Amino acid sequence: MATDRDKPARRAHHHSRRHQHRPPPDPPSRPAPAGLLQPLGLAWPFLVAGTVKTLYDLTLWRIFRRVQLPTRGPS
């Protein structure tokens, strides 16, 4: 008969044996779309920042394109 001191060891052995006989998980049937987009994952912030900066620059150009620069007088 097992004593109270042996119970934790028996439980640990029982649980480790139970987990050894689980079938492996099913493999995915197709690649995840996230895996295909992963190379762009780190580029998104730069693409967004570049787009915002381009829109900002074009807006400034449209606002100030008709402003005449001051001409220098005789020096």
PDB file of N, CA and C in Angstrom:
ATOM      1  N   MET A   1       0.832  -1.170   0.000  1.00  0.00           N
ATOM      2  CA  MET A   1       0.000   0.000   0.000  1.00  0.00           C
ATOM      3  C   MET A   1       0.884   1.242   0.000  1.00  0.00           C
ATOM      4  N   ALA A   2       0.467   2.240  -0.723  1.00  0.00           N
ATOM      5  CA  ALA A   2       1.253   3.464  -0.820  1.00  0.00           C
ATOM      6  C   ALA A   2       0.963   4.360   0.374  1.00  0.00           C
ATOM      7  N   THR A   3       2.005   5.009   0.801  1.00  0.00           N
ATOM      8  CA  THR A   3       1.842   5.944   1.921  1.00  0.00           C
ATOM      9  C   THR A   3       1.517   7.330   1.383  1.00  0.00           C
ATOM     10  N   ASP A   4       1.199   8.232   2.293  1.00  0.00           N
ATOM     11  CA  ASP A   4       0.896   9.604   1.886  1.00  0.00           C
ATOM     12  C   ASP A   4       2.108  10.275   1.256  1.00  0.00           C
ATOM     13  N   ARG A   5       3.295   9.842   1.634  1.00  0.00           N
ATOM     14  CA  ARG A   5       4.511  10.426   1.069  1.00  0.00           C
ATOM     15  C   ARG A   5       4.678  10.060  -0.401  1.00  0.00           C
ATOM     16  N   ASP A   6       4.150   8.919  -0.826  1.00  0.00           N
ATOM     17  CA  ASP A   6       4.301   8.457  -2.206  1.00  0.00           C
ATOM     18  C   ASP A   6       3.260   9.051  -3.155  1.00  0.00           C
ATOM     19  N   LYS A   7       2.205   9.642  -2.656  1.00  0.00           N
ATOM     20  CA  LYS A   7       1.123  10.114  -3.518  1.00  0.00           C
ATOM     21  C   LYS A   7       1.567  11.161  -4.545  1.00  0.00           C
ATOM     22  N   PRO A   8       2.327  12.202  -4.186  1.00  0.00           N
ATOM     23  CA  PRO A   8       2.733  13.163  -5.224  1.00  0.00           C
ATOM     24  C   PRO A   8       3.557  12.518  -6.337  1.00  0.00           C
ATOM     25  N   ALA A   9       4.420  11.569  -5.981  1.00  0.00           N
ATOM     26  CA  ALA A   9       5.234  10.911  -7.000  1.00  0.00           C
ATOM     27  C   ALA A   9       4.360  10.065  -7.924  1.00  0.00           C
ATOM     28  N   ARG A  10       3.372   9.378  -7.370  1.00  0.00           N
ATOM     29  CA  ARG A  10       2.481   8.570  -8.208  1.00  0.00           C
ATOM     30  C   ARG A  10       1.658   9.463  -9.124  1.00  0.00           C
ATOM     31  N   ARG A  11       1.167  10.619  -8.607  1.00  0.00           N
ATOM     32  CA  ARG A  11       0.391  11.530  -9.446  1.00  0.00           C
ATOM     33  C   ARG A  11       1.234  12.066 -10.595  1.00  0.00           C
ATOM     34  N   ALA A  12       2.461  12.444 -10.314  1.00  0.00           N
ATOM     35  CA  ALA A  12       3.332  12.977 -11.363  1.00  0.00           C
ATOM     36  C   ALA A  12       3.576  11.917 -12.434  1.00  0.00           C
ATOM     37  N   HIS A  13       3.809  10.700 -12.025  1.00  0.00           N
ATOM     38  CA  HIS A  13       4.032   9.625 -12.989  1.00  0.00           C
ATOM     39  C   HIS A  13       2.765   9.372 -13.806  1.00  0.00           C
ATOM     40  N   HIS A  14       1.622   9.381 -13.165  1.00  0.00           N
ATOM     41  CA  HIS A  14       0.359   9.137 -13.857  1.00  0.00           C
ATOM     42  C   HIS A  14       0.093  10.235 -14.899  1.00  0.00           C
ATOM     43  N   HIS A  15       0.295  11.492 -14.533  1.00  0.00           N
ATOM     44  CA  HIS A  15       0.016  12.587 -15.458  1.00  0.00           C
ATOM     45  C   HIS A  15       0.996  12.596 -16.625  1.00  0.00           C
ATOM     46  N   SER A  16       2.259  12.298 -16.359  1.00  0.00           N
ATOM     47  CA  SER A  16       3.216  12.300 -17.470  1.00  0.00           C
ATOM     48  C   SER A  16       2.917  11.165 -18.450  1.00  0.00           C
ATOM     49  N   ARG A  17       2.471  10.019 -17.975  1.00  0.00           N
ATOM     50  CA  ARG A  17       2.130   8.914 -18.873  1.00  0.00           C
ATOM     51  C   ARG A  17       0.883   9.252 -19.685  1.00  0.00           C
ATOM     52  N   ARG A  18      -0.082   9.919 -19.064  1.00  0.00           N
ATOM     53  CA  ARG A  18      -1.313  10.246 -19.767  1.00  0.00           C
ATOM     54  C   ARG A  18      -1.029  11.200 -20.927  1.00  0.00           C
ATOM     55  N   HIS A  19      -0.154  12.152 -20.744  1.00  0.00           N
ATOM     56  CA  HIS A  19       0.124  13.133 -21.789  1.00  0.00           C
ATOM     57  C   HIS A  19       1.009  12.571 -22.904  1.00  0.00           C
ATOM     58  N   GLN A  20       1.685  11.482 -22.657  1.00  0.00           N
ATOM     59  CA  GLN A  20       2.534  10.889 -23.683  1.00  0.00           C
ATOM     60  C   GLN A  20       1.713  10.216 -24.778  1.00  0.00           C
ATOM     61  N   HIS A  21       0.499   9.814 -24.504  1.00  0.00           N
ATOM     62  CA  HIS A  21      -0.282   9.042 -25.459  1.00  0.00           C
ATOM     63  C   HIS A  21      -1.290   9.882 -26.237  1.00  0.00           C
ATOM     64  N   ARG A  22      -1.183  11.193 -26.175  1.00  0.00           N
ATOM     65  CA  ARG A  22      -2.087  12.031 -26.967  1.00  0.00           C
ATOM     66  C   ARG A  22      -1.683  11.992 -28.429  1.00  0.00           C
ATOM     67  N   PRO A  23      -2.654  11.972 -29.305  1.00  0.00           N
ATOM     68  CA  PRO A  23      -2.304  12.010 -30.731  1.00  0.00           C
ATOM     69  C   PRO A  23      -1.779  13.406 -31.104  1.00  0.00           C
ATOM     70  N   PRO A  24      -0.909  13.489 -32.088  1.00  0.00           N
ATOM     71  CA  PRO A  24      -0.379  14.793 -32.486  1.00  0.00           C
ATOM     72  C   PRO A  24      -1.487  15.652 -33.096  1.00  0.00           C
ATOM     73  N   PRO A  25      -1.361  16.968 -33.002  1.00  0.00           N
ATOM     74  CA  PRO A  25      -2.397  17.827 -33.588  1.00  0.00           C
ATOM     75  C   PRO A  25      -2.409  17.708 -35.106  1.00  0.00           C
ATOM     76  N   ASP A  26      -3.572  17.973 -35.689  1.00  0.00           N
ATOM     77  CA  ASP A  26      -3.695  17.905 -37.145  1.00  0.00           C
ATOM     78  C   ASP A  26      -2.879  19.014 -37.801  1.00  0.00           C
ATOM     79  N   PRO A  27      -2.185  18.710 -38.886  1.00  0.00           N
ATOM     80  CA  PRO A  27      -1.432  19.769 -39.572  1.00  0.00           C
ATOM     81  C   PRO A  27      -2.400  20.716 -40.282  1.00  0.00           C
ATOM     82  N   PRO A  28      -2.011  21.977 -40.458  1.00  0.00           N
ATOM     83  CA  PRO A  28      -2.909  22.901 -41.156  1.00  0.00           C
ATOM     84  C   PRO A  28      -3.100  22.475 -42.604  1.00  0.00           C
ATOM     85  N   SER A  29      -4.303  22.677 -43.108  1.00  0.00           N
ATOM     86  CA  SER A  29      -4.594  22.238 -44.465  1.00  0.00           C
ATOM     87  C   SER A  29      -4.067  23.210 -45.509  1.00  0.00           C
ATOM     88  N   ARG A  30      -3.858  24.482 -45.124  1.00  0.00           N
ATOM     89  CA  ARG A  30      -3.318  25.467 -46.060  1.00  0.00           C
ATOM     90  C   ARG A  30      -2.567  26.517 -45.265  1.00  0.00           C
ATOM     91  N   PRO A  31      -1.656  27.240 -45.912  1.00  0.00           N
ATOM     92  CA  PRO A  31      -0.902  28.253 -45.165  1.00  0.00           C
ATOM     93  C   PRO A  31      -1.821  29.371 -44.695  1.00  0.00           C
ATOM     94  N   ALA A  32      -1.526  29.882 -43.557  1.00  0.00           N
ATOM     95  CA  ALA A  32      -2.331  30.979 -43.017  1.00  0.00           C
ATOM     96  C   ALA A  32      -2.040  32.256 -43.795  1.00  0.00           C
ATOM     97  N   PRO A  33      -3.053  33.068 -44.054  1.00  0.00           N
ATOM     98  CA  PRO A  33      -2.813  34.339 -44.752  1.00  0.00           C
ATOM     99  C   PRO A  33      -1.820  35.235 -44.006  1.00  0.00           C
ATOM    100  N   ALA A  34      -1.799  35.125 -42.692  1.00  0.00           N
ATOM    101  CA  ALA A  34      -0.845  35.935 -41.926  1.00  0.00           C
ATOM    102  C   ALA A  34       0.590  35.555 -42.278  1.00  0.00           C
ATOM    103  N   GLY A  35       0.823  34.305 -42.564  1.00  0.00           N
ATOM    104  CA  GLY A  35       2.160  33.881 -42.941  1.00  0.00           C
ATOM    105  C   GLY A  35       2.594  34.468 -44.268  1.00  0.00           C
ATOM    106  N   LEU A  36       1.633  34.669 -45.166  1.00  0.00           N
ATOM    107  CA  LEU A  36       1.966  35.267 -46.457  1.00  0.00           C
ATOM    108  C   LEU A  36       2.233  36.763 -46.328  1.00  0.00           C
ATOM    109  N   LEU A  37       1.571  37.409 -45.369  1.00  0.00           N
ATOM    110  CA  LEU A  37       1.756  38.843 -45.171  1.00  0.00           C
ATOM    111  C   LEU A  37       2.882  39.178 -44.198  1.00  0.00           C
ATOM    112  N   GLN A  38       3.488  38.188 -43.625  1.00  0.00           N
ATOM    113  CA  GLN A  38       4.514  38.423 -42.618  1.00  0.00           C
ATOM    114  C   GLN A  38       5.693  39.257 -43.123  1.00  0.00           C
ATOM    115  N   PRO A  39       6.182  39.059 -44.363  1.00  0.00           N
ATOM    116  CA  PRO A  39       7.281  39.912 -44.816  1.00  0.00           C
ATOM    117  C   PRO A  39       6.921  41.394 -44.837  1.00  0.00           C
ATOM    118  N   LEU A  40       5.650  41.722 -45.016  1.00  0.00           N
ATOM    119  CA  LEU A  40       5.225  43.122 -45.005  1.00  0.00           C
ATOM    120  C   LEU A  40       4.945  43.624 -43.596  1.00  0.00           C
ATOM    121  N   GLY A  41       4.930  42.736 -42.632  1.00  0.00           N
ATOM    122  CA  GLY A  41       4.561  43.106 -41.268  1.00  0.00           C
ATOM    123  C   GLY A  41       5.377  44.244 -40.699  1.00  0.00           C
ATOM    124  N   LEU A  42       6.680  44.215 -40.882  1.00  0.00           N
ATOM    125  CA  LEU A  42       7.532  45.276 -40.352  1.00  0.00           C
ATOM    126  C   LEU A  42       7.555  46.492 -41.263  1.00  0.00           C
ATOM    127  N   ALA A  43       7.097  46.361 -42.498  1.00  0.00           N
ATOM    128  CA  ALA A  43       7.129  47.466 -43.443  1.00  0.00           C
ATOM    129  C   ALA A  43       5.906  48.366 -43.338  1.00  0.00           C
ATOM    130  N   TRP A  44       4.805  47.889 -42.748  1.00  0.00           N
ATOM    131  CA  TRP A  44       3.568  48.677 -42.697  1.00  0.00           C
ATOM    132  C   TRP A  44       3.747  50.050 -42.077  1.00  0.00           C
ATOM    133  N   PRO A  45       4.440  50.202 -40.954  1.00  0.00           N
ATOM    134  CA  PRO A  45       4.597  51.548 -40.392  1.00  0.00           C
ATOM    135  C   PRO A  45       5.311  52.496 -41.350  1.00  0.00           C
ATOM    136  N   PHE A  46       6.290  52.004 -42.076  1.00  0.00           N
ATOM    137  CA  PHE A  46       7.026  52.851 -43.023  1.00  0.00           C
ATOM    138  C   PHE A  46       6.159  53.212 -44.224  1.00  0.00           C
ATOM    139  N   LEU A  47       5.342  52.268 -44.685  1.00  0.00           N
ATOM    140  CA  LEU A  47       4.449  52.567 -45.805  1.00  0.00           C
ATOM    141  C   LEU A  47       3.404  53.612 -45.411  1.00  0.00           C
ATOM    142  N   VAL A  48       2.859  53.478 -44.218  1.00  0.00           N
ATOM    143  CA  VAL A  48       1.870  54.451 -43.751  1.00  0.00           C
ATOM    144  C   VAL A  48       2.525  55.814 -43.570  1.00  0.00           C
ATOM    145  N   ALA A  49       3.689  55.853 -42.946  1.00  0.00           N
ATOM    146  CA  ALA A  49       4.377  57.127 -42.729  1.00  0.00           C
ATOM    147  C   ALA A  49       4.740  57.784 -44.056  1.00  0.00           C
ATOM    148  N   GLY A  50       5.198  57.012 -45.028  1.00  0.00           N
ATOM    149  CA  GLY A  50       5.533  57.569 -46.334  1.00  0.00           C
ATOM    150  C   GLY A  50       4.311  58.124 -47.045  1.00  0.00           C
ATOM    151  N   THR A  51       3.195  57.430 -46.921  1.00  0.00           N
ATOM    152  CA  THR A  51       1.956  57.907 -47.549  1.00  0.00           C
ATOM    153  C   THR A  51       1.485  59.206 -46.902  1.00  0.00           C
ATOM    154  N   VAL A  52       1.518  59.262 -45.583  1.00  0.00           N
ATOM    155  CA  VAL A  52       1.094  60.476 -44.879  1.00  0.00           C
ATOM    156  C   VAL A  52       2.001  61.642 -45.231  1.00  0.00           C
ATOM    157  N   LYS A  53       3.312  61.402 -45.281  1.00  0.00           N
ATOM    158  CA  LYS A  53       4.245  62.480 -45.614  1.00  0.00           C
ATOM    159  C   LYS A  53       4.035  62.962 -47.045  1.00  0.00           C
ATOM    160  N   THR A  54       3.791  62.063 -47.963  1.00  0.00           N
ATOM    161  CA  THR A  54       3.534  62.458 -49.352  1.00  0.00           C
ATOM    162  C   THR A  54       2.275  63.311 -49.442  1.00  0.00           C
ATOM    163  N   LEU A  55       1.217  62.915 -48.760  1.00  0.00           N
ATOM    164  CA  LEU A  55      -0.015  63.707 -48.757  1.00  0.00           C
ATOM    165  C   LEU A  55       0.221  65.080 -48.124  1.00  0.00           C
ATOM    166  N   TYR A  56       0.984  65.132 -47.072  1.00  0.00           N
ATOM    167  CA  TYR A  56       1.315  66.404 -46.413  1.00  0.00           C
ATOM    168  C   TYR A  56       2.097  67.302 -47.366  1.00  0.00           C
ATOM    169  N   ASP A  57       3.117  66.754 -48.026  1.00  0.00           N
ATOM    170  CA  ASP A  57       3.921  67.541 -48.961  1.00  0.00           C
ATOM    171  C   ASP A  57       3.084  68.055 -50.126  1.00  0.00           C
ATOM    172  N   LEU A  58       2.216  67.228 -50.678  1.00  0.00           N
ATOM    173  CA  LEU A  58       1.367  67.665 -51.785  1.00  0.00           C
ATOM    174  C   LEU A  58       0.378  68.740 -51.347  1.00  0.00           C
ATOM    175  N   THR A  59      -0.130  68.631 -50.132  1.00  0.00           N
ATOM    176  CA  THR A  59      -1.032  69.647 -49.610  1.00  0.00           C
ATOM    177  C   THR A  59      -0.316  70.983 -49.459  1.00  0.00           C
ATOM    178  N   LEU A  60       0.891  70.967 -48.899  1.00  0.00           N
ATOM    179  CA  LEU A  60       1.664  72.209 -48.773  1.00  0.00           C
ATOM    180  C   LEU A  60       1.984  72.798 -50.138  1.00  0.00           C
ATOM    181  N   TRP A  61       2.337  71.967 -51.091  1.00  0.00           N
ATOM    182  CA  TRP A  61       2.651  72.451 -52.436  1.00  0.00           C
ATOM    183  C   TRP A  61       1.426  73.119 -53.070  1.00  0.00           C
ATOM    184  N   ARG A  62       0.255  72.498 -52.919  1.00  0.00           N
ATOM    185  CA  ARG A  62      -0.967  73.091 -53.497  1.00  0.00           C
ATOM    186  C   ARG A  62      -1.313  74.422 -52.835  1.00  0.00           C
ATOM    187  N   ILE A  63      -1.084  74.528 -51.538  1.00  0.00           N
ATOM    188  CA  ILE A  63      -1.399  75.773 -50.837  1.00  0.00           C
ATOM    189  C   ILE A  63      -0.454  76.895 -51.267  1.00  0.00           C
ATOM    190  N   PHE A  64       0.831  76.602 -51.374  1.00  0.00           N
ATOM    191  CA  PHE A  64       1.826  77.644 -51.584  1.00  0.00           C
ATOM    192  C   PHE A  64       2.353  77.728 -53.020  1.00  0.00           C
ATOM    193  N   ARG A  65       1.796  77.027 -53.968  1.00  0.00           N
ATOM    194  CA  ARG A  65       2.349  77.049 -55.322  1.00  0.00           C
ATOM    195  C   ARG A  65       2.150  78.395 -56.007  1.00  0.00           C
ATOM    196  N   ARG A  66       1.178  79.172 -55.617  1.00  0.00           N
ATOM    197  CA  ARG A  66       0.931  80.472 -56.251  1.00  0.00           C
ATOM    198  C   ARG A  66       1.564  81.629 -55.484  1.00  0.00           C
ATOM    199  N   VAL A  67       2.195  81.359 -54.387  1.00  0.00           N
ATOM    200  CA  VAL A  67       2.834  82.422 -53.610  1.00  0.00           C
ATOM    201  C   VAL A  67       4.130  82.810 -54.298  1.00  0.00           C
ATOM    202  N   GLN A  68       4.281  84.108 -54.564  1.00  0.00           N
ATOM    203  CA  GLN A  68       5.497  84.617 -55.209  1.00  0.00           C
ATOM    204  C   GLN A  68       6.596  84.798 -54.164  1.00  0.00           C
ATOM    205  N   LEU A  69       7.772  84.366 -54.517  1.00  0.00           N
ATOM    206  CA  LEU A  69       8.909  84.574 -53.630  1.00  0.00           C
ATOM    207  C   LEU A  69       9.353  86.029 -53.734  1.00  0.00           C
ATOM    208  N   PRO A  70       9.774  86.595 -52.621  1.00  0.00           N
ATOM    209  CA  PRO A  70      10.244  87.981 -52.701  1.00  0.00           C
ATOM    210  C   PRO A  70      11.524  88.056 -53.530  1.00  0.00           C
ATOM    211  N   THR A  71      11.597  89.074 -54.354  1.00  0.00           N
ATOM    212  CA  THR A  71      12.816  89.261 -55.153  1.00  0.00           C
ATOM    213  C   THR A  71      13.774  90.151 -54.393  1.00  0.00           C
ATOM    214  N   ARG A  72      15.026  89.931 -54.611  1.00  0.00           N
ATOM    215  CA  ARG A  72      16.051  90.718 -53.931  1.00  0.00           C
ATOM    216  C   ARG A  72      16.223  92.035 -54.681  1.00  0.00           C
ATOM    217  N   GLY A  73      16.359  93.013 -53.892  1.00  0.00           N
ATOM    218  CA  GLY A  73      16.651  94.319 -54.478  1.00  0.00           C
ATOM    219  C   GLY A  73      18.152  94.441 -54.759  1.00  0.00           C
ATOM    220  N   PRO A  74      18.562  95.544 -55.287  1.00  0.00           N
ATOM    221  CA  PRO A  74      20.004  95.728 -55.543  1.00  0.00           C
ATOM    222  C   PRO A  74      20.769  95.691 -54.218  1.00  0.00           C
ATOM    223  N   SER A  75      21.878  94.963 -54.219  1.00  0.00           N
ATOM    224  CA  SER A  75      22.648  94.886 -52.995  1.00  0.00           C
ATOM    225  C   SER A  75      23.873  95.736 -53.037  1.00  0.00           C
TER     226      SER A  75
END
